[in-house]
Amino acid sequence: MRLDDKTRSIIKNEVASQFGEATVVRLFGSRVDDAQRGGDIDLFIEPKQILENRIQEECRLSASLYIKLGGRKVDVLIRDALKPLLPIHEQALRTGVIL
């Protein structure tokens, strides 16, 4: 996994502050592979509560992390428990690493 301890801590703290301590955060994509270089940070978030506006929450978390991580691009996907999983969600569950 290509995230240092400080970055992992910032991500986990920000997710917990917005969605609660029980929220599962998975890193997936190129940052999971130690052999690759560069790339944005792809996160799959599994909150315990139902969100009224999932897209707004994705944007809010992504923007907050962008600022707190010094301008690093962060892509955020939030699982909607009321809708079926999309292929990208299944990939994140299959290949992602829980932070």
N, C-alpha and C. Protein backbone atom coordinates (compact mmCIF):
# COMPACT_ATOMS: atom_id res chain seq x y z
N MET A 1 0.85 -1.17 0.00
CA MET A 1 0.00 0.00 0.00
C MET A 1 0.90 1.23 0.00
N ARG A 2 0.61 2.15 -0.90
CA ARG A 2 1.45 3.33 -1.03
C ARG A 2 0.79 4.56 -0.40
N LEU A 3 0.55 4.47 0.90
CA LEU A 3 0.11 5.62 1.70
C LEU A 3 0.89 5.59 3.00
N ASP A 4 1.45 6.72 3.38
CA ASP A 4 2.18 6.76 4.64
C ASP A 4 1.20 6.83 5.82
N ASP A 5 1.73 6.64 7.01
CA ASP A 5 0.90 6.61 8.22
C ASP A 5 0.15 7.92 8.43
N LYS A 6 0.80 9.04 8.16
CA LYS A 6 0.15 10.34 8.35
C LYS A 6 -1.05 10.49 7.41
N THR A 7 -0.88 10.11 6.16
CA THR A 7 -1.97 10.21 5.18
C THR A 7 -3.13 9.29 5.57
N ARG A 8 -2.81 8.07 5.98
CA ARG A 8 -3.86 7.14 6.43
C ARG A 8 -4.62 7.71 7.62
N SER A 9 -3.90 8.30 8.54
CA SER A 9 -4.52 8.88 9.73
C SER A 9 -5.44 10.04 9.37
N ILE A 10 -5.00 10.92 8.49
CA ILE A 10 -5.82 12.04 8.04
C ILE A 10 -7.10 11.53 7.40
N ILE A 11 -6.98 10.54 6.53
CA ILE A 11 -8.15 9.99 5.83
C ILE A 11 -9.12 9.38 6.84
N LYS A 12 -8.62 8.53 7.71
CA LYS A 12 -9.50 7.86 8.68
C LYS A 12 -10.18 8.86 9.61
N ASN A 13 -9.45 9.86 10.06
CA ASN A 13 -10.04 10.87 10.95
C ASN A 13 -11.11 11.70 10.25
N GLU A 14 -10.87 12.07 9.02
CA GLU A 14 -11.85 12.89 8.28
C GLU A 14 -13.11 12.08 7.98
N VAL A 15 -12.94 10.83 7.58
CA VAL A 15 -14.10 9.97 7.32
C VAL A 15 -14.90 9.77 8.61
N ALA A 16 -14.22 9.51 9.70
CA ALA A 16 -14.91 9.31 10.99
C ALA A 16 -15.65 10.57 11.41
N SER A 17 -15.07 11.74 11.17
CA SER A 17 -15.74 12.97 11.59
C SER A 17 -16.98 13.25 10.75
N GLN A 18 -16.98 12.81 9.50
CA GLN A 18 -18.14 13.08 8.63
C GLN A 18 -19.19 11.97 8.69
N PHE A 19 -18.77 10.72 8.91
CA PHE A 19 -19.71 9.60 8.82
C PHE A 19 -19.78 8.72 10.06
N GLY A 20 -18.91 8.94 11.02
CA GLY A 20 -18.91 8.14 12.24
C GLY A 20 -17.76 7.15 12.29
N GLU A 21 -17.42 6.76 13.51
CA GLU A 21 -16.27 5.87 13.76
C GLU A 21 -16.45 4.48 13.15
N ALA A 22 -17.67 4.01 12.99
CA ALA A 22 -17.91 2.65 12.50
C ALA A 22 -17.83 2.54 10.98
N THR A 23 -17.60 3.63 10.29
CA THR A 23 -17.53 3.63 8.82
C THR A 23 -16.29 2.89 8.35
N VAL A 24 -16.46 2.02 7.37
CA VAL A 24 -15.35 1.27 6.79
C VAL A 24 -14.78 2.08 5.62
N VAL A 25 -13.44 2.22 5.59
CA VAL A 25 -12.75 2.95 4.53
C VAL A 25 -11.82 1.98 3.83
N ARG A 26 -11.97 1.85 2.52
CA ARG A 26 -11.09 0.98 1.74
C ARG A 26 -10.31 1.80 0.72
N LEU A 27 -9.03 1.53 0.64
CA LEU A 27 -8.19 2.07 -0.41
C LEU A 27 -8.19 1.05 -1.54
N PHE A 28 -8.41 1.51 -2.76
CA PHE A 28 -8.34 0.60 -3.90
C PHE A 28 -7.68 1.32 -5.07
N GLY A 29 -7.50 0.62 -6.17
CA GLY A 29 -6.86 1.22 -7.34
C GLY A 29 -5.35 1.09 -7.27
N SER A 30 -4.67 2.00 -7.99
CA SER A 30 -3.22 1.89 -8.15
C SER A 30 -2.44 2.05 -6.85
N ARG A 31 -2.97 2.74 -5.87
CA ARG A 31 -2.26 2.96 -4.60
C ARG A 31 -2.14 1.69 -3.76
N VAL A 32 -2.90 0.66 -4.08
CA VAL A 32 -2.80 -0.61 -3.36
C VAL A 32 -1.57 -1.39 -3.82
N ASP A 33 -1.14 -1.15 -5.04
CA ASP A 33 -0.05 -1.90 -5.67
C ASP A 33 1.28 -1.18 -5.43
N ASP A 34 2.16 -1.79 -4.64
CA ASP A 34 3.46 -1.19 -4.32
C ASP A 34 4.36 -1.06 -5.54
N ALA A 35 4.11 -1.83 -6.59
CA ALA A 35 4.96 -1.79 -7.78
C ALA A 35 4.64 -0.61 -8.69
N GLN A 36 3.49 0.00 -8.53
CA GLN A 36 3.12 1.13 -9.38
C GLN A 36 3.64 2.43 -8.79
N ARG A 37 3.54 3.49 -9.59
CA ARG A 37 4.00 4.81 -9.15
C ARG A 37 2.89 5.82 -9.40
N GLY A 38 2.87 6.86 -8.56
CA GLY A 38 1.92 7.95 -8.76
C GLY A 38 0.49 7.51 -8.57
N GLY A 39 -0.42 8.27 -9.16
CA GLY A 39 -1.83 7.95 -9.10
C GLY A 39 -2.55 8.68 -7.99
N ASP A 40 -3.84 8.87 -8.21
CA ASP A 40 -4.66 9.51 -7.19
C ASP A 40 -5.00 8.51 -6.10
N ILE A 41 -5.68 8.98 -5.08
CA ILE A 41 -6.10 8.13 -3.97
C ILE A 41 -7.56 7.78 -4.18
N ASP A 42 -7.84 6.49 -4.36
CA ASP A 42 -9.21 6.01 -4.59
C ASP A 42 -9.73 5.39 -3.30
N LEU A 43 -10.85 5.92 -2.80
CA LEU A 43 -11.44 5.44 -1.55
C LEU A 43 -12.86 4.95 -1.76
N PHE A 44 -13.18 3.83 -1.13
CA PHE A 44 -14.54 3.31 -1.12
C PHE A 44 -15.01 3.36 0.33
N ILE A 45 -16.05 4.13 0.57
CA ILE A 45 -16.55 4.40 1.91
C ILE A 45 -17.85 3.63 2.13
N GLU A 46 -17.94 2.93 3.27
CA GLU A 46 -19.14 2.17 3.61
C GLU A 46 -19.71 2.69 4.94
N PRO A 47 -20.54 3.76 4.87
CA PRO A 47 -21.13 4.28 6.10
C PRO A 47 -22.21 3.35 6.63
N LYS A 48 -22.44 3.42 7.92
CA LYS A 48 -23.48 2.59 8.54
C LYS A 48 -24.86 3.19 8.38
N GLN A 49 -24.93 4.50 8.14
CA GLN A 49 -26.22 5.17 8.00
C GLN A 49 -26.55 5.39 6.52
N ILE A 50 -27.83 5.62 6.25
CA ILE A 50 -28.29 5.97 4.90
C ILE A 50 -28.06 7.47 4.71
N LEU A 51 -27.48 7.84 3.59
CA LEU A 51 -27.21 9.24 3.30
C LEU A 51 -28.29 9.81 2.38
N GLU A 52 -28.76 11.00 2.69
CA GLU A 52 -29.79 11.63 1.86
C GLU A 52 -29.26 12.05 0.50
N ASN A 53 -28.02 12.56 0.47
CA ASN A 53 -27.45 13.02 -0.79
C ASN A 53 -26.03 12.49 -0.92
N ARG A 54 -25.92 11.27 -1.41
CA ARG A 54 -24.63 10.57 -1.51
C ARG A 54 -23.62 11.34 -2.35
N ILE A 55 -24.04 11.88 -3.48
CA ILE A 55 -23.11 12.59 -4.37
C ILE A 55 -22.55 13.84 -3.69
N GLN A 56 -23.39 14.56 -2.99
CA GLN A 56 -22.93 15.74 -2.26
C GLN A 56 -21.91 15.34 -1.19
N GLU A 57 -22.16 14.24 -0.50
CA GLU A 57 -21.23 13.77 0.53
C GLU A 57 -19.90 13.32 -0.07
N GLU A 58 -19.95 12.68 -1.26
CA GLU A 58 -18.72 12.29 -1.94
C GLU A 58 -17.88 13.52 -2.27
N CYS A 59 -18.53 14.54 -2.80
CA CYS A 59 -17.83 15.77 -3.17
C CYS A 59 -17.27 16.48 -1.94
N ARG A 60 -18.04 16.53 -0.88
CA ARG A 60 -17.61 17.20 0.34
C ARG A 60 -16.37 16.51 0.93
N LEU A 61 -16.41 15.18 1.01
CA LEU A 61 -15.27 14.44 1.55
C LEU A 61 -14.05 14.58 0.65
N SER A 62 -14.24 14.46 -0.65
CA SER A 62 -13.14 14.58 -1.59
C SER A 62 -12.47 15.95 -1.48
N ALA A 63 -13.27 17.01 -1.40
CA ALA A 63 -12.73 18.37 -1.30
C ALA A 63 -11.99 18.57 0.02
N SER A 64 -12.56 18.07 1.09
CA SER A 64 -11.94 18.20 2.41
C SER A 64 -10.59 17.49 2.45
N LEU A 65 -10.55 16.28 1.91
CA LEU A 65 -9.29 15.53 1.88
C LEU A 65 -8.26 16.19 0.95
N TYR A 66 -8.71 16.73 -0.16
CA TYR A 66 -7.83 17.43 -1.09
C TYR A 66 -7.10 18.56 -0.36
N ILE A 67 -7.83 19.30 0.44
CA ILE A 67 -7.24 20.41 1.20
C ILE A 67 -6.31 19.88 2.28
N LYS A 68 -6.76 18.91 3.07
CA LYS A 68 -5.98 18.41 4.20
C LYS A 68 -4.74 17.62 3.76
N LEU A 69 -4.77 17.09 2.54
CA LEU A 69 -3.62 16.33 2.05
C LEU A 69 -2.75 17.15 1.11
N GLY A 70 -2.89 18.46 1.16
CA GLY A 70 -2.00 19.34 0.41
C GLY A 70 -2.18 19.31 -1.09
N GLY A 71 -3.40 19.13 -1.54
CA GLY A 71 -3.68 19.17 -2.97
C GLY A 71 -3.59 17.83 -3.69
N ARG A 72 -3.52 16.75 -2.94
CA ARG A 72 -3.51 15.42 -3.58
C ARG A 72 -4.92 15.07 -4.01
N LYS A 73 -5.05 14.58 -5.23
CA LYS A 73 -6.36 14.23 -5.76
C LYS A 73 -6.89 12.97 -5.08
N VAL A 74 -8.14 13.06 -4.62
CA VAL A 74 -8.78 11.94 -3.93
C VAL A 74 -10.13 11.68 -4.59
N ASP A 75 -10.31 10.47 -5.08
CA ASP A 75 -11.60 10.04 -5.64
C ASP A 75 -12.34 9.27 -4.57
N VAL A 76 -13.59 9.64 -4.34
CA VAL A 76 -14.39 9.03 -3.28
C VAL A 76 -15.64 8.39 -3.86
N LEU A 77 -15.85 7.14 -3.51
CA LEU A 77 -17.10 6.43 -3.81
C LEU A 77 -17.73 6.05 -2.49
N ILE A 78 -19.01 6.35 -2.35
CA ILE A 78 -19.73 5.97 -1.14
C ILE A 78 -20.79 4.95 -1.49
N ARG A 79 -20.79 3.86 -0.78
CA ARG A 79 -21.78 2.81 -1.02
C ARG A 79 -23.17 3.28 -0.58
N ASP A 80 -24.12 3.10 -1.45
CA ASP A 80 -25.53 3.40 -1.15
C ASP A 80 -26.20 2.07 -0.84
N ALA A 81 -26.53 1.86 0.43
CA ALA A 81 -27.09 0.59 0.87
C ALA A 81 -28.45 0.30 0.25
N LEU A 82 -29.11 1.32 -0.32
CA LEU A 82 -30.43 1.14 -0.90
C LEU A 82 -30.39 0.77 -2.38
N LYS A 83 -29.20 0.75 -2.97
CA LYS A 83 -29.07 0.45 -4.40
C LYS A 83 -28.10 -0.70 -4.61
N PRO A 84 -28.27 -1.42 -5.73
CA PRO A 84 -27.34 -2.53 -6.01
C PRO A 84 -25.93 -2.02 -6.25
N LEU A 85 -24.96 -2.88 -5.98
CA LEU A 85 -23.56 -2.53 -6.23
C LEU A 85 -23.30 -2.38 -7.72
N LEU A 86 -22.47 -1.40 -8.05
CA LEU A 86 -22.00 -1.23 -9.41
C LEU A 86 -20.70 -2.02 -9.58
N PRO A 87 -20.28 -2.30 -10.82
CA PRO A 87 -19.02 -3.03 -11.01
C PRO A 87 -17.81 -2.37 -10.32
N ILE A 88 -17.74 -1.05 -10.30
CA ILE A 88 -16.62 -0.38 -9.63
C ILE A 88 -16.64 -0.63 -8.12
N HIS A 89 -17.84 -0.72 -7.55
CA HIS A 89 -17.97 -1.03 -6.12
C HIS A 89 -17.49 -2.46 -5.84
N GLU A 90 -17.88 -3.38 -6.72
CA GLU A 90 -17.46 -4.78 -6.55
C GLU A 90 -15.94 -4.90 -6.64
N GLN A 91 -15.34 -4.13 -7.56
CA GLN A 91 -13.88 -4.14 -7.69
C GLN A 91 -13.23 -3.60 -6.41
N ALA A 92 -13.77 -2.53 -5.87
CA ALA A 92 -13.22 -1.94 -4.64
C ALA A 92 -13.32 -2.93 -3.48
N LEU A 93 -14.43 -3.65 -3.39
CA LEU A 93 -14.60 -4.64 -2.32
C LEU A 93 -13.64 -5.83 -2.50
N ARG A 94 -13.42 -6.21 -3.74
CA ARG A 94 -12.60 -7.38 -4.05
C ARG A 94 -11.10 -7.07 -3.89
N THR A 95 -10.67 -5.89 -4.32
CA THR A 95 -9.23 -5.59 -4.37
C THR A 95 -8.78 -4.58 -3.31
N GLY A 96 -9.74 -3.93 -2.66
CA GLY A 96 -9.39 -2.87 -1.73
C GLY A 96 -8.82 -3.36 -0.41
N VAL A 97 -8.13 -2.45 0.25
CA VAL A 97 -7.50 -2.71 1.54
C VAL A 97 -8.15 -1.78 2.56
N ILE A 98 -8.63 -2.34 3.66
CA ILE A 98 -9.26 -1.53 4.71
C ILE A 98 -8.18 -0.72 5.43
N LEU A 99 -8.43 0.57 5.55
CA LEU A 99 -7.48 1.45 6.28
C LEU A 99 -7.72 1.38 7.77
